[in-house]
Amino acid sequence: MPENKMLKNILMLKRGGVVSLVGAGGKTTLMFRLAQELSASGASVLTTTTTKIFMPDEHQSPHVVLSPSLAEVLKNAKHLLKNTLHLSAGSAHLSSGNKLLGFTPEGVDMLWKSGIFRWILVEADGAARRPLKAPASHEPVIPKSSGWIIGLAGLDVVGKPLTEQWVFRPERYADITGTALGEPVTEASLVRAILHSNGIFGAWKSPLAKYLVFLNKADCRQSADVGQKICRLFAASGKTRICRVVIGKLLHEQPVVAYDDLYQLPEKASYHPAYP
């Protein structure tokens, strides 16, 4: 895949740092795709969570380190990094549900300060496998060391009713967007849910971090058009902390359909491959 079409470049991941993934509709898939790209470029990568994720399989992560002790995690990671560039880590394995329990945000900060990882990719939110969510007051769980915060939403939710089947915490979504329970989720309400001060990024703010949105599941021309409409609504909303909106389809070989910059980026560009 050409460099300029790779996820790591379109998401502006340069030099190294902590990347936190929030929202719904593809966080785990994006995390491990990014880990594959970044490690293939020669960078050491840790994938982890501040909540819980399913235990990675061998295709997602070649090695998993489990310990409640950060010192033990770092010791084992240093040994593994002699022969691999990507590993996952958590504080424990939860046999109920086969989940990996992650670390506190402060724990992730300490792992970053160790200096042994070029990149730490963090799933910093839970959504019970729904395509959209509105966070509770304690969510998302973002480490202070995060230099990138990527908020995800699934385009397949647009037009679907605001119910627990489609939206995680639908009552919160209703409060934030003014959408009545059972009414269809619209492009405009999705934008409101992302831009709201209690929306997808929560109350966590950093003047130094890059905020991006990834609209996933643009698997056909119709859903890609929905993504483009959402991009136009973002652009019309005025000042925002979000610098780039990406429309994509993470389960496809070419995961990016288009992207649009909202402000102050040195190279404004969009990529629009043709749909059949």
C-alpha atoms as a PDB file:
ATOM      1  CA  MET A   1       0.000   0.000   0.000  1.00  0.00           C
ATOM      2  CA  PRO A   2       1.388   3.457  -0.887  1.00  0.00           C
ATOM      3  CA  GLU A   3       2.696   5.392   2.119  1.00  0.00           C
ATOM      4  CA  ASN A   4       0.292   8.293   1.607  1.00  0.00           C
ATOM      5  CA  LYS A   5      -2.705   5.941   1.885  1.00  0.00           C
ATOM      6  CA  MET A   6      -1.601   4.151   5.047  1.00  0.00           C
ATOM      7  CA  LEU A   7      -3.596   4.679   8.231  1.00  0.00           C
ATOM      8  CA  LYS A   8      -0.586   5.802  10.238  1.00  0.00           C
ATOM      9  CA  ASN A   9       0.051   8.672   7.843  1.00  0.00           C
ATOM     10  CA  ILE A  10      -3.555   9.720   7.320  1.00  0.00           C
ATOM     11  CA  LEU A  11      -3.978   9.769  11.113  1.00  0.00           C
ATOM     12  CA  MET A  12      -0.825  11.894  11.304  1.00  0.00           C
ATOM     13  CA  LEU A  13       1.122   9.532  13.544  1.00  0.00           C
ATOM     14  CA  LYS A  14       4.657  10.842  13.410  1.00  0.00           C
ATOM     15  CA  ARG A  15       7.735  10.451  15.603  1.00  0.00           C
ATOM     16  CA  GLY A  16       6.074   8.415  18.371  1.00  0.00           C
ATOM     17  CA  GLY A  17       3.715   8.855  21.296  1.00  0.00           C
ATOM     18  CA  VAL A  18       0.556   7.675  23.020  1.00  0.00           C
ATOM     19  CA  VAL A  19      -2.601   7.264  20.912  1.00  0.00           C
ATOM     20  CA  SER A  20      -5.962   6.900  22.678  1.00  0.00           C
ATOM     21  CA  LEU A  21      -8.974   5.460  20.852  1.00  0.00           C
ATOM     22  CA  VAL A  22     -12.446   6.402  22.102  1.00  0.00           C
ATOM     23  CA  GLY A  23     -16.037   6.071  20.935  1.00  0.00           C
ATOM     24  CA  ALA A  24     -17.444   3.011  19.166  1.00  0.00           C
ATOM     25  CA  GLY A  25     -17.537   1.121  15.909  1.00  0.00           C
ATOM     26  CA  GLY A  26     -14.014  -0.182  15.349  1.00  0.00           C
ATOM     27  CA  LYS A  27     -11.570   0.798  18.120  1.00  0.00           C
ATOM     28  CA  THR A  28     -10.010  -2.643  18.503  1.00  0.00           C
ATOM     29  CA  THR A  29      -9.725  -3.199  14.760  1.00  0.00           C
ATOM     30  CA  LEU A  30      -8.108   0.209  14.283  1.00  0.00           C
ATOM     31  CA  MET A  31      -5.707  -0.343  17.173  1.00  0.00           C
ATOM     32  CA  PHE A  32      -4.328  -3.589  15.799  1.00  0.00           C
ATOM     33  CA  ARG A  33      -4.203  -2.353  12.191  1.00  0.00           C
ATOM     34  CA  LEU A  34      -2.171   0.628  13.352  1.00  0.00           C
ATOM     35  CA  ALA A  35       0.071  -1.638  15.415  1.00  0.00           C
ATOM     36  CA  GLN A  36       0.751  -3.733  12.319  1.00  0.00           C
ATOM     37  CA  GLU A  37       1.612  -0.690  10.198  1.00  0.00           C
ATOM     38  CA  LEU A  38       3.766   1.006  12.828  1.00  0.00           C
ATOM     39  CA  SER A  39       5.727  -2.115  13.754  1.00  0.00           C
ATOM     40  CA  ALA A  40       6.235  -2.937  10.061  1.00  0.00           C
ATOM     41  CA  SER A  41       7.909   0.462   9.735  1.00  0.00           C
ATOM     42  CA  GLY A  42      10.431  -0.518  12.421  1.00  0.00           C
ATOM     43  CA  ALA A  43       8.848   1.072  15.501  1.00  0.00           C
ATOM     44  CA  SER A  44       8.302  -0.670  18.835  1.00  0.00           C
ATOM     45  CA  VAL A  45       4.581  -0.763  19.655  1.00  0.00           C
ATOM     46  CA  LEU A  46       2.590  -1.576  22.779  1.00  0.00           C
ATOM     47  CA  THR A  47      -1.158  -2.183  22.501  1.00  0.00           C
ATOM     48  CA  THR A  48      -3.159  -1.964  25.716  1.00  0.00           C
ATOM     49  CA  THR A  49      -6.304  -0.553  27.290  1.00  0.00           C
ATOM     50  CA  THR A  50      -7.515   1.513  30.222  1.00  0.00           C
ATOM     51  CA  THR A  51     -10.733  -0.539  30.265  1.00  0.00           C
ATOM     52  CA  LYS A  52     -11.165  -4.128  29.048  1.00  0.00           C
ATOM     53  CA  ILE A  53     -10.768  -5.709  25.624  1.00  0.00           C
ATOM     54  CA  PHE A  54     -11.031  -9.241  24.315  1.00  0.00           C
ATOM     55  CA  MET A  55      -7.774 -11.130  24.681  1.00  0.00           C
ATOM     56  CA  PRO A  56      -5.800 -10.558  21.470  1.00  0.00           C
ATOM     57  CA  ASP A  57      -5.396 -13.580  19.238  1.00  0.00           C
ATOM     58  CA  GLU A  58      -2.094 -14.494  17.618  1.00  0.00           C
ATOM     59  CA  HIS A  59      -2.977 -12.605  14.444  1.00  0.00           C
ATOM     60  CA  GLN A  60      -3.668  -9.389  16.339  1.00  0.00           C
ATOM     61  CA  SER A  61      -0.682  -9.512  18.670  1.00  0.00           C
ATOM     62  CA  PRO A  62       2.231 -11.976  18.663  1.00  0.00           C
ATOM     63  CA  HIS A  63       2.869 -11.611  22.410  1.00  0.00           C
ATOM     64  CA  VAL A  64       0.766 -10.707  25.459  1.00  0.00           C
ATOM     65  CA  VAL A  65       2.290  -9.717  28.809  1.00  0.00           C
ATOM     66  CA  LEU A  66       0.040  -9.950  31.870  1.00  0.00           C
ATOM     67  CA  SER A  67       0.948  -8.610  35.296  1.00  0.00           C
ATOM     68  CA  PRO A  68      -0.474  -6.111  37.802  1.00  0.00           C
ATOM     69  CA  SER A  69       3.123  -4.956  38.327  1.00  0.00           C
ATOM     70  CA  LEU A  70       4.302  -2.312  35.860  1.00  0.00           C
ATOM     71  CA  ALA A  71       7.897  -3.199  36.710  1.00  0.00           C
ATOM     72  CA  GLU A  72       7.224  -6.811  35.725  1.00  0.00           C
ATOM     73  CA  VAL A  73       5.493  -5.725  32.515  1.00  0.00           C
ATOM     74  CA  LEU A  74       8.466  -3.569  31.553  1.00  0.00           C
ATOM     75  CA  LYS A  75      10.957  -6.313  32.399  1.00  0.00           C
ATOM     76  CA  ASN A  76       9.148  -8.838  30.204  1.00  0.00           C
ATOM     77  CA  ALA A  77       8.574  -6.276  27.455  1.00  0.00           C
ATOM     78  CA  LYS A  78      12.272  -5.401  27.266  1.00  0.00           C
ATOM     79  CA  HIS A  79      13.077  -9.075  26.814  1.00  0.00           C
ATOM     80  CA  LEU A  80      10.420  -9.591  24.132  1.00  0.00           C
ATOM     81  CA  LEU A  81      11.399  -6.460  22.206  1.00  0.00           C
ATOM     82  CA  LYS A  82      14.728  -8.082  21.400  1.00  0.00           C
ATOM     83  CA  ASN A  83      12.864 -10.324  18.950  1.00  0.00           C
ATOM     84  CA  THR A  84       9.612  -8.531  18.137  1.00  0.00           C
ATOM     85  CA  LEU A  85       8.374  -4.985  17.619  1.00  0.00           C
ATOM     86  CA  HIS A  86       4.780  -5.421  18.802  1.00  0.00           C
ATOM     87  CA  LEU A  87       3.315  -6.752  22.016  1.00  0.00           C
ATOM     88  CA  SER A  88       0.169  -6.291  24.063  1.00  0.00           C
ATOM     89  CA  ALA A  89      -0.035  -5.923  27.823  1.00  0.00           C
ATOM     90  CA  GLY A  90      -2.604  -5.850  30.582  1.00  0.00           C
ATOM     91  CA  SER A  91      -2.840  -6.197  34.323  1.00  0.00           C
ATOM     92  CA  ALA A  92      -4.807  -9.475  34.257  1.00  0.00           C
ATOM     93  CA  HIS A  93      -6.734 -12.019  32.203  1.00  0.00           C
ATOM     94  CA  LEU A  94     -10.425 -12.149  33.077  1.00  0.00           C
ATOM     95  CA  SER A  95     -11.541 -15.695  32.291  1.00  0.00           C
ATOM     96  CA  SER A  96     -15.171 -14.585  32.337  1.00  0.00           C
ATOM     97  CA  GLY A  97     -15.613 -13.302  28.807  1.00  0.00           C
ATOM     98  CA  ASN A  98     -11.945 -13.924  27.924  1.00  0.00           C
ATOM     99  CA  LYS A  99     -11.055 -10.279  28.513  1.00  0.00           C
ATOM    100  CA  LEU A 100      -7.757  -8.498  29.041  1.00  0.00           C
ATOM    101  CA  LEU A 101      -7.945  -6.034  31.931  1.00  0.00           C
ATOM    102  CA  GLY A 102      -5.859  -2.961  31.262  1.00  0.00           C
ATOM    103  CA  PHE A 103      -4.044  -0.367  33.327  1.00  0.00           C
ATOM    104  CA  THR A 104      -5.013   2.913  34.925  1.00  0.00           C
ATOM    105  CA  PRO A 105      -4.318   6.050  32.876  1.00  0.00           C
ATOM    106  CA  GLU A 106      -1.463   6.789  35.280  1.00  0.00           C
ATOM    107  CA  GLY A 107      -0.094   3.311  34.634  1.00  0.00           C
ATOM    108  CA  VAL A 108      -0.050   3.957  30.888  1.00  0.00           C
ATOM    109  CA  ASP A 109       1.736   7.255  31.550  1.00  0.00           C
ATOM    110  CA  MET A 110       4.433   5.356  33.462  1.00  0.00           C
ATOM    111  CA  LEU A 111       4.791   2.791  30.682  1.00  0.00           C
ATOM    112  CA  TRP A 112       5.318   5.658  28.241  1.00  0.00           C
ATOM    113  CA  LYS A 113       7.871   7.346  30.497  1.00  0.00           C
ATOM    114  CA  SER A 114       9.917   4.139  30.530  1.00  0.00           C
ATOM    115  CA  GLY A 115      11.065   5.047  27.022  1.00  0.00           C
ATOM    116  CA  ILE A 116      11.091   1.492  25.669  1.00  0.00           C
ATOM    117  CA  PHE A 117       8.112   1.945  23.338  1.00  0.00           C
ATOM    118  CA  ARG A 118       8.020   4.229  20.327  1.00  0.00           C
ATOM    119  CA  TRP A 119       4.234   3.981  20.296  1.00  0.00           C
ATOM    120  CA  ILE A 120       1.591   3.041  22.852  1.00  0.00           C
ATOM    121  CA  LEU A 121      -1.876   2.458  21.397  1.00  0.00           C
ATOM    122  CA  VAL A 122      -4.635   2.565  24.005  1.00  0.00           C
ATOM    123  CA  GLU A 123      -8.248   1.483  23.752  1.00  0.00           C
ATOM    124  CA  ALA A 124      -9.549   4.066  26.215  1.00  0.00           C
ATOM    125  CA  ASP A 125     -13.290   3.450  26.048  1.00  0.00           C
ATOM    126  CA  GLY A 126     -15.856   0.661  26.001  1.00  0.00           C
ATOM    127  CA  ALA A 127     -18.977   0.421  23.850  1.00  0.00           C
ATOM    128  CA  ALA A 128     -20.212  -3.193  24.159  1.00  0.00           C
ATOM    129  CA  ARG A 129     -19.673  -3.647  20.393  1.00  0.00           C
ATOM    130  CA  ARG A 130     -22.233  -1.017  19.420  1.00  0.00           C
ATOM    131  CA  PRO A 131     -21.511   1.301  16.443  1.00  0.00           C
ATOM    132  CA  LEU A 132     -22.087   4.475  18.491  1.00  0.00           C
ATOM    133  CA  LYS A 133     -21.929   5.605  22.099  1.00  0.00           C
ATOM    134  CA  ALA A 134     -22.369   8.555  24.412  1.00  0.00           C
ATOM    135  CA  PRO A 135     -19.999   8.416  27.386  1.00  0.00           C
ATOM    136  CA  ALA A 136     -20.888   8.378  31.063  1.00  0.00           C
ATOM    137  CA  SER A 137     -19.386  11.078  33.272  1.00  0.00           C
ATOM    138  CA  HIS A 138     -16.324   8.909  34.050  1.00  0.00           C
ATOM    139  CA  GLU A 139     -15.636   8.105  30.390  1.00  0.00           C
ATOM    140  CA  PRO A 140     -13.531   7.928  28.310  1.00  0.00           C
ATOM    141  CA  VAL A 141     -10.465   6.933  30.347  1.00  0.00           C
ATOM    142  CA  ILE A 142      -7.667   8.820  28.577  1.00  0.00           C
ATOM    143  CA  PRO A 143      -4.037   8.893  29.795  1.00  0.00           C
ATOM    144  CA  LYS A 144      -2.570  12.384  30.228  1.00  0.00           C
ATOM    145  CA  SER A 145       0.373  11.389  28.039  1.00  0.00           C
ATOM    146  CA  SER A 146      -1.903  11.012  24.988  1.00  0.00           C
ATOM    147  CA  GLY A 147      -0.712  12.982  21.981  1.00  0.00           C
ATOM    148  CA  TRP A 148      -3.508  11.765  19.705  1.00  0.00           C
ATOM    149  CA  ILE A 149      -7.146  11.117  20.583  1.00  0.00           C
ATOM    150  CA  ILE A 150      -9.125   9.396  17.844  1.00  0.00           C
ATOM    151  CA  GLY A 151     -12.905   9.237  18.233  1.00  0.00           C
ATOM    152  CA  LEU A 152     -14.714   6.519  16.286  1.00  0.00           C
ATOM    153  CA  ALA A 153     -18.307   6.073  15.150  1.00  0.00           C
ATOM    154  CA  GLY A 154     -19.906   3.552  12.804  1.00  0.00           C
ATOM    155  CA  LEU A 155     -21.723   5.013   9.808  1.00  0.00           C
ATOM    156  CA  ASP A 156     -24.134   2.070   9.823  1.00  0.00           C
ATOM    157  CA  VAL A 157     -25.914   3.649  12.815  1.00  0.00           C
ATOM    158  CA  VAL A 158     -27.266   6.585  10.781  1.00  0.00           C
ATOM    159  CA  GLY A 159     -30.970   6.047  10.162  1.00  0.00           C
ATOM    160  CA  LYS A 160     -31.232   3.430  12.905  1.00  0.00           C
ATOM    161  CA  PRO A 161     -33.430   4.016  15.990  1.00  0.00           C
ATOM    162  CA  LEU A 162     -31.910   5.424  19.159  1.00  0.00           C
ATOM    163  CA  THR A 163     -32.092   2.208  21.174  1.00  0.00           C
ATOM    164  CA  GLU A 164     -29.696   0.013  23.132  1.00  0.00           C
ATOM    165  CA  GLN A 165     -29.349  -2.224  20.085  1.00  0.00           C
ATOM    166  CA  TRP A 166     -27.530   0.511  18.159  1.00  0.00           C
ATOM    167  CA  VAL A 167     -26.237   3.035  20.691  1.00  0.00           C
ATOM    168  CA  PHE A 168     -24.355   2.390  23.919  1.00  0.00           C
ATOM    169  CA  ARG A 169     -25.940   4.570  26.628  1.00  0.00           C
ATOM    170  CA  PRO A 170     -28.850   5.795  24.469  1.00  0.00           C
ATOM    171  CA  GLU A 171     -30.262   7.920  27.300  1.00  0.00           C
ATOM    172  CA  ARG A 172     -27.010   9.890  27.436  1.00  0.00           C
ATOM    173  CA  TYR A 173     -27.101  10.300  23.663  1.00  0.00           C
ATOM    174  CA  ALA A 174     -30.669  11.608  23.938  1.00  0.00           C
ATOM    175  CA  ASP A 175     -29.647  14.142  26.598  1.00  0.00           C
ATOM    176  CA  ILE A 176     -26.647  15.368  24.609  1.00  0.00           C
ATOM    177  CA  THR A 177     -28.265  15.607  21.182  1.00  0.00           C
ATOM    178  CA  GLY A 178     -31.944  16.237  21.872  1.00  0.00           C
ATOM    179  CA  THR A 179     -32.902  13.089  19.964  1.00  0.00           C
ATOM    180  CA  ALA A 180     -35.884  11.252  21.446  1.00  0.00           C
ATOM    181  CA  LEU A 181     -35.421   7.588  22.333  1.00  0.00           C
ATOM    182  CA  GLY A 182     -36.583   5.468  19.418  1.00  0.00           C
ATOM    183  CA  GLU A 183     -36.140   8.259  16.875  1.00  0.00           C
ATOM    184  CA  PRO A 184     -33.626   7.762  14.027  1.00  0.00           C
ATOM    185  CA  VAL A 185     -29.998   8.739  14.556  1.00  0.00           C
ATOM    186  CA  THR A 186     -29.210  11.449  11.996  1.00  0.00           C
ATOM    187  CA  GLU A 187     -25.988  12.843  10.593  1.00  0.00           C
ATOM    188  CA  ALA A 188     -26.641  16.094  12.473  1.00  0.00           C
ATOM    189  CA  SER A 189     -27.218  14.401  15.829  1.00  0.00           C
ATOM    190  CA  LEU A 190     -24.066  12.323  15.382  1.00  0.00           C
ATOM    191  CA  VAL A 191     -22.062  15.506  14.825  1.00  0.00           C
ATOM    192  CA  ARG A 192     -23.648  17.057  17.928  1.00  0.00           C
ATOM    193  CA  ALA A 193     -22.738  13.962  19.939  1.00  0.00           C
ATOM    194  CA  ILE A 194     -19.113  14.268  18.881  1.00  0.00           C
ATOM    195  CA  LEU A 195     -18.773  18.035  19.316  1.00  0.00           C
ATOM    196  CA  HIS A 196     -20.647  18.322  22.628  1.00  0.00           C
ATOM    197  CA  SER A 197     -18.520  19.066  25.700  1.00  0.00           C
ATOM    198  CA  ASN A 198     -19.837  15.821  27.219  1.00  0.00           C
ATOM    199  CA  GLY A 199     -19.731  13.977  23.909  1.00  0.00           C
ATOM    200  CA  ILE A 200     -17.525  11.275  22.488  1.00  0.00           C
ATOM    201  CA  PHE A 201     -14.256  12.827  23.723  1.00  0.00           C
ATOM    202  CA  GLY A 202     -15.696  13.509  27.183  1.00  0.00           C
ATOM    203  CA  ALA A 203     -14.429  16.342  29.329  1.00  0.00           C
ATOM    204  CA  TRP A 204     -10.765  15.465  28.724  1.00  0.00           C
ATOM    205  CA  LYS A 205      -8.938  18.291  26.980  1.00  0.00           C
ATOM    206  CA  SER A 206      -5.344  18.917  26.036  1.00  0.00           C
ATOM    207  CA  PRO A 207      -4.054  21.878  24.030  1.00  0.00           C
ATOM    208  CA  LEU A 208      -1.144  19.731  22.845  1.00  0.00           C
ATOM    209  CA  ALA A 209      -3.043  16.667  21.610  1.00  0.00           C
ATOM    210  CA  LYS A 210      -4.413  16.133  18.109  1.00  0.00           C
ATOM    211  CA  TYR A 211      -8.121  15.253  18.010  1.00  0.00           C
ATOM    212  CA  LEU A 212      -9.333  13.233  15.035  1.00  0.00           C
ATOM    213  CA  VAL A 213     -12.582  11.520  14.082  1.00  0.00           C
ATOM    214  CA  PHE A 214     -12.729   8.193  12.231  1.00  0.00           C
ATOM    215  CA  LEU A 215     -16.100   7.427  10.633  1.00  0.00           C
ATOM    216  CA  ASN A 216     -15.957   3.674  10.066  1.00  0.00           C
ATOM    217  CA  LYS A 217     -18.005   1.219   7.984  1.00  0.00           C
ATOM    218  CA  ALA A 218     -18.115   3.223   4.752  1.00  0.00           C
ATOM    219  CA  ASP A 219     -18.491  -0.119   3.000  1.00  0.00           C
ATOM    220  CA  CYS A 220     -20.559   1.140   0.068  1.00  0.00           C
ATOM    221  CA  ARG A 221     -21.106   4.346  -1.870  1.00  0.00           C
ATOM    222  CA  GLN A 222     -24.229   5.194   0.126  1.00  0.00           C
ATOM    223  CA  SER A 223     -22.477   5.014   3.499  1.00  0.00           C
ATOM    224  CA  ALA A 224     -19.503   6.952   2.091  1.00  0.00           C
ATOM    225  CA  ASP A 225     -21.937   9.690   1.024  1.00  0.00           C
ATOM    226  CA  VAL A 226     -23.306   9.746   4.584  1.00  0.00           C
ATOM    227  CA  GLY A 227     -19.740  10.225   5.785  1.00  0.00           C
ATOM    228  CA  GLN A 228     -19.224  13.111   3.373  1.00  0.00           C
ATOM    229  CA  LYS A 229     -22.397  14.789   4.642  1.00  0.00           C
ATOM    230  CA  ILE A 230     -21.102  14.465   8.195  1.00  0.00           C
ATOM    231  CA  CYS A 231     -17.798  16.027   7.115  1.00  0.00           C
ATOM    232  CA  ARG A 232     -19.672  19.003   5.662  1.00  0.00           C
ATOM    233  CA  LEU A 233     -21.592  19.405   8.926  1.00  0.00           C
ATOM    234  CA  PHE A 234     -18.335  19.387  10.878  1.00  0.00           C
ATOM    235  CA  ALA A 235     -16.909  22.044   8.563  1.00  0.00           C
ATOM    236  CA  ALA A 236     -20.033  24.192   8.990  1.00  0.00           C
ATOM    237  CA  SER A 237     -19.973  23.910  12.774  1.00  0.00           C
ATOM    238  CA  GLY A 238     -17.254  26.530  13.160  1.00  0.00           C
ATOM    239  CA  LYS A 239     -14.367  26.334  15.604  1.00  0.00           C
ATOM    240  CA  THR A 240     -13.605  22.823  16.817  1.00  0.00           C
ATOM    241  CA  ARG A 241     -10.737  20.986  18.451  1.00  0.00           C
ATOM    242  CA  ILE A 242     -11.024  18.267  15.781  1.00  0.00           C
ATOM    243  CA  CYS A 243      -8.349  18.726  13.140  1.00  0.00           C
ATOM    244  CA  ARG A 244      -9.214  15.901  10.738  1.00  0.00           C
ATOM    245  CA  VAL A 245     -12.192  13.681   9.902  1.00  0.00           C
ATOM    246  CA  VAL A 246     -11.451  10.359   8.205  1.00  0.00           C
ATOM    247  CA  ILE A 247     -14.027   8.210   6.412  1.00  0.00           C
ATOM    248  CA  GLY A 248     -13.003   4.579   6.288  1.00  0.00           C
ATOM    249  CA  LYS A 249     -13.747   0.862   6.169  1.00  0.00           C
ATOM    250  CA  LEU A 250     -11.385  -0.904   8.525  1.00  0.00           C
ATOM    251  CA  LEU A 251     -12.233  -4.451   7.452  1.00  0.00           C
ATOM    252  CA  HIS A 252     -11.071  -3.766   3.885  1.00  0.00           C
ATOM    253  CA  GLU A 253      -7.537  -3.925   2.491  1.00  0.00           C
ATOM    254  CA  GLN A 254      -7.683  -0.208   1.642  1.00  0.00           C
ATOM    255  CA  PRO A 255      -9.138   1.220   4.867  1.00  0.00           C
ATOM    256  CA  VAL A 256      -9.429   4.908   3.951  1.00  0.00           C
ATOM    257  CA  VAL A 257     -12.155   6.271   1.678  1.00  0.00           C
ATOM    258  CA  ALA A 258     -11.591   9.995   2.232  1.00  0.00           C
ATOM    259  CA  TYR A 259     -10.411  12.543   4.756  1.00  0.00           C
ATOM    260  CA  ASP A 260     -10.974  16.235   5.315  1.00  0.00           C
ATOM    261  CA  ASP A 261      -9.029  18.732   7.384  1.00  0.00           C
ATOM    262  CA  LEU A 262     -10.979  21.151   9.547  1.00  0.00           C
ATOM    263  CA  TYR A 263      -8.249  23.568  10.598  1.00  0.00           C
ATOM    264  CA  GLN A 264      -4.598  24.606  10.690  1.00  0.00           C
ATOM    265  CA  LEU A 265      -2.928  21.699   8.989  1.00  0.00           C
ATOM    266  CA  PRO A 266       0.044  22.351   6.720  1.00  0.00           C
ATOM    267  CA  GLU A 267      -1.119  20.051   3.921  1.00  0.00           C
ATOM    268  CA  LYS A 268      -4.857  20.196   3.314  1.00  0.00           C
ATOM    269  CA  ALA A 269      -5.880  17.268   1.127  1.00  0.00           C
ATOM    270  CA  SER A 270      -8.624  14.729   0.608  1.00  0.00           C
ATOM    271  CA  TYR A 271      -8.462  11.318  -1.011  1.00  0.00           C
ATOM    272  CA  HIS A 272     -11.556  10.007  -2.808  1.00  0.00           C
ATOM    273  CA  PRO A 273     -11.195   6.644  -4.562  1.00  0.00           C
ATOM    274  CA  ALA A 274     -14.047   5.842  -6.927  1.00  0.00           C
ATOM    275  CA  TYR A 275     -16.688   3.344  -5.909  1.00  0.00           C
ATOM    276  CA  PRO A 276     -17.878   0.865  -8.535  1.00  0.00           C
END
